[in-house]
Protein backbone atom coordinates (compact mmCIF):
# COMPACT_ATOMS: atom_id res chain seq x y z
CA MET A 1 108.54 91.04 75.93
CA LYS A 2 105.21 92.84 76.13
CA GLU A 3 103.49 89.66 77.38
CA LEU A 4 106.13 89.35 80.11
CA GLU A 5 105.60 92.99 81.13
CA LYS A 6 101.84 92.45 81.21
CA SER A 7 102.25 89.34 83.34
CA THR A 8 104.50 91.21 85.77
CA GLU A 9 102.05 94.11 85.95
CA LEU A 10 99.16 91.78 86.75
CA LYS A 11 101.19 90.09 89.49
CA ILE A 12 101.92 93.50 90.99
CA LEU A 13 98.27 94.53 90.88
CA GLU A 14 97.12 91.31 92.56
CA ALA A 15 99.79 91.65 95.27
CA ALA A 16 98.93 95.31 95.77
CA LYS A 17 95.21 94.64 96.00
CA LEU A 18 95.81 92.08 98.75
CA GLU A 19 98.18 94.44 100.60
CA PHE A 20 95.79 97.40 100.38
CA ILE A 21 92.76 95.36 101.46
CA THR A 22 94.45 93.76 104.46
CA LYS A 23 96.43 96.78 105.70
CA GLY A 24 94.73 99.85 104.25
CA PHE A 25 96.46 102.46 102.13
CA ASP A 26 98.56 103.89 104.96
CA GLY A 27 99.61 100.46 106.25
CA ALA A 28 100.49 99.03 102.84
CA ARG A 29 104.20 98.84 102.09
CA MET A 30 105.75 98.94 98.63
CA GLN A 31 108.45 96.47 99.70
CA GLN A 32 105.84 93.92 100.80
CA ILE A 33 103.97 94.36 97.52
CA ALA A 34 107.19 93.83 95.56
CA THR A 35 108.02 90.72 97.58
CA LYS A 36 104.55 89.22 97.08
CA ALA A 37 104.78 89.95 93.36
CA GLY A 38 108.18 88.24 93.17
CA ILE A 39 110.06 91.33 92.01
CA ASN A 40 112.42 93.86 93.56
CA LYS A 41 111.27 97.24 94.83
CA ALA A 42 113.14 99.13 92.12
CA LEU A 43 111.13 97.34 89.42
CA LEU A 44 107.90 98.10 91.28
CA HIS A 45 108.77 101.80 91.27
CA TYR A 46 109.66 101.54 87.58
CA TYR A 47 106.13 100.37 86.83
CA PHE A 48 104.14 102.64 89.16
CA ARG A 49 106.48 105.31 90.62
CA ASN A 50 104.68 105.58 93.97
CA LYS A 51 101.99 104.05 96.17
CA GLU A 52 99.27 106.47 95.07
CA ASN A 53 99.75 105.57 91.42
CA LEU A 54 99.68 101.91 92.37
CA PHE A 55 96.43 102.37 94.27
CA LYS A 56 94.83 104.07 91.28
CA ALA A 57 96.02 101.23 89.07
CA VAL A 58 94.48 98.64 91.41
CA PHE A 59 91.24 100.61 91.48
CA GLY A 60 91.23 100.79 87.71
CA ASN A 61 92.00 97.09 87.43
CA VAL A 62 88.95 96.23 89.54
CA PHE A 63 86.50 98.81 88.18
CA GLY A 64 88.12 99.60 84.82
CA ASP A 65 85.60 97.63 82.78
CA PHE A 66 82.58 98.43 84.91
CA PHE A 67 82.56 102.23 85.26
CA PRO A 68 83.28 103.13 81.61
CA LYS A 69 80.60 100.66 80.47
CA ILE A 70 78.17 102.15 82.97
CA MET A 71 78.76 105.71 81.78
CA THR A 72 78.47 104.62 78.13
CA THR A 73 75.27 102.71 78.90
CA PHE A 74 73.74 105.65 80.78
CA GLN A 75 74.32 107.86 77.73
CA SER A 76 72.93 105.29 75.30
CA GLU A 77 69.45 104.94 73.80
CA LEU A 78 68.45 102.15 76.16
CA SER A 79 65.43 102.78 78.35
CA PHE A 80 65.97 104.06 81.88
CA PHE A 81 64.87 100.73 83.33
CA GLU A 82 67.29 98.78 81.12
CA LYS A 83 70.09 101.07 82.30
CA LEU A 84 69.05 100.55 85.90
CA ARG A 85 69.14 96.77 85.55
CA PHE A 86 72.53 96.93 83.81
CA PHE A 87 73.97 98.96 86.69
CA ILE A 88 72.61 96.73 89.47
CA ASP A 89 73.69 93.49 87.78
CA GLY A 90 77.15 94.81 86.95
CA TYR A 91 77.77 96.37 90.34
CA ILE A 92 76.82 93.24 92.27
CA ASN A 93 79.01 91.17 89.92
CA VAL A 94 82.04 93.38 90.65
CA LEU A 95 81.43 93.23 94.41
CA ASN A 96 80.93 89.47 94.28
CA LYS A 97 84.26 89.00 92.48
CA ASN A 98 86.02 91.28 94.99
CA PRO A 99 84.20 90.60 98.28
CA LYS A 100 86.83 92.23 100.53
CA LEU A 101 87.03 95.40 98.51
CA PRO A 102 83.91 97.18 99.89
CA VAL A 103 85.24 97.09 103.46
CA PHE A 104 88.54 98.55 102.27
CA ILE A 105 86.77 101.31 100.32
CA LEU A 106 84.54 102.18 103.28
CA HIS A 107 87.64 102.46 105.45
CA GLU A 108 89.48 104.64 102.95
CA ILE A 109 86.44 106.91 102.51
CA GLN A 110 86.99 107.98 106.11
CA HIS A 111 90.77 108.35 105.81
CA ARG A 112 91.62 109.29 102.22
CA PRO A 113 88.42 110.40 100.44
CA GLU A 114 90.35 112.59 97.98
CA LEU A 115 92.23 109.56 96.66
CA LEU A 116 89.01 107.65 96.01
CA LEU A 117 87.38 110.68 94.40
CA ASN A 118 90.35 111.15 92.08
CA SER A 119 90.28 107.45 91.20
CA LEU A 120 86.58 107.64 90.36
CA LYS A 121 87.11 110.71 88.20
CA GLU A 122 89.93 109.00 86.33
CA GLN A 123 87.52 106.14 85.54
CA GLY A 124 85.15 108.67 83.98
CA VAL A 125 82.50 108.51 86.71
CA ASN A 126 80.23 111.55 86.62
CA PRO A 127 77.33 111.42 89.09
CA LYS A 128 75.81 114.52 87.51
CA ILE A 129 75.11 112.54 84.33
CA ILE A 130 73.34 109.85 86.34
CA ALA A 131 71.39 112.39 88.39
CA GLY A 132 70.44 114.27 85.23
CA MET A 133 69.15 111.08 83.63
CA VAL A 134 66.93 110.37 86.65
CA GLU A 135 65.65 113.94 86.77
CA ALA A 136 64.85 113.85 83.05
CA GLU A 137 62.71 110.76 83.60
CA MET A 138 60.85 112.58 86.36
CA VAL A 139 60.18 115.51 84.07
CA LYS A 140 58.82 113.12 81.43
CA GLY A 141 56.51 111.70 84.07
CA SER A 142 57.74 108.10 83.98
CA LEU A 143 59.12 108.30 87.53
CA LYS A 144 57.76 109.64 90.80
CA PRO A 145 59.41 112.86 92.00
CA VAL A 146 61.84 111.36 94.53
CA PRO A 147 65.08 112.90 95.90
CA VAL A 148 67.83 111.71 93.56
CA ALA A 149 70.49 111.57 96.29
CA HIS A 150 68.33 109.24 98.41
CA LEU A 151 67.57 107.09 95.40
CA LEU A 152 71.25 106.63 94.52
CA VAL A 153 72.28 105.96 98.12
CA ASN A 154 69.48 103.41 98.54
CA MET A 155 70.51 101.59 95.40
CA LEU A 156 74.22 101.50 96.27
CA SER A 157 73.68 100.43 99.88
CA MET A 158 71.28 97.64 98.89
CA CYS A 159 73.96 96.23 96.62
CA ILE A 160 76.91 96.72 98.99
CA PHE A 161 75.58 95.58 102.36
CA PRO A 162 75.13 91.85 101.57
CA VAL A 163 78.78 91.73 100.48
CA VAL A 164 80.16 93.74 103.41
CA ALA A 165 78.16 91.64 105.88
CA ALA A 166 78.86 88.33 104.09
CA PRO A 167 80.65 86.55 106.99
CA ILE A 168 77.66 87.07 109.29
CA MET A 169 74.95 86.64 106.68
CA ARG A 170 76.49 83.42 105.40
CA GLU A 171 76.40 81.88 108.89
CA VAL A 172 73.16 83.36 110.24
CA LEU A 173 70.97 83.09 107.15
CA PHE A 174 72.52 80.17 105.26
CA ASP A 175 74.18 78.02 107.96
CA GLY A 176 77.60 78.61 106.43
CA ASN A 177 76.55 77.26 103.04
CA GLU A 178 78.58 79.18 100.44
CA LYS A 179 76.47 77.96 97.52
CA LYS A 180 73.26 79.23 99.13
CA TYR A 181 74.91 82.59 99.80
CA LYS A 182 76.08 82.87 96.18
CA ASN A 183 72.59 82.01 94.98
CA PHE A 184 71.26 84.73 97.27
CA LEU A 185 73.56 87.29 95.64
CA GLU A 186 72.29 86.29 92.21
CA GLU A 187 68.69 86.61 93.41
CA ARG A 188 69.61 89.95 94.95
CA LYS A 189 70.04 91.50 91.50
CA GLN A 190 66.38 90.99 90.64
CA TYR A 191 65.18 91.89 94.13
CA VAL A 192 67.06 95.19 94.24
CA TYR A 193 65.89 96.04 90.74
CA GLU A 194 62.24 95.36 91.57
CA PHE A 195 62.49 97.20 94.89
CA ILE A 196 63.89 100.32 93.26
CA ILE A 197 61.38 100.13 90.40
CA ASN A 198 58.46 99.80 92.80
CA THR A 199 59.78 102.81 94.70
CA ILE A 200 60.09 105.18 91.75
CA LYS A 201 57.86 103.99 88.89
CA LYS A 202 54.51 105.69 88.44
């Protein structure tokens, strides 16, 4: 019975992710999600109660492994540079597996930022821990004194943009060759890491 419930829940999450990505939070309809998942609307509400809970579940399904691991890694005994590489590799992997998600998130940032912020908090994301880690490295003298906010924004945008702009980049830079584009994303991990390191390391 539990396996059946898990299977149904996964079907709902996949259907909801597609509905949210294509129509946005406000345009997504619970009935359409239920239909795509092959269940009735009453069962959908049984599992998730409302659309906001469903959105948070989809967000957690996509980022549920990544964010907790990141926060655990950032508080571990690994070196700062090992943590940095772990974040860049993991973040690009998540974006690569969910290429339409960044556009959806950017759209929702403008329309429902509080929902995204609450979802991040529920995943245990705490930017202050990350900022504190960077500042501690600066105090130790291993990093140049750079504005932490700019550093974090640079790192995130360098990871996100190639995924958001994939349809154009794939055609313009790689003549529509999907394999070359995927190879580029793999190479991007090392490039972003080295770029950030060269920017901040003394």
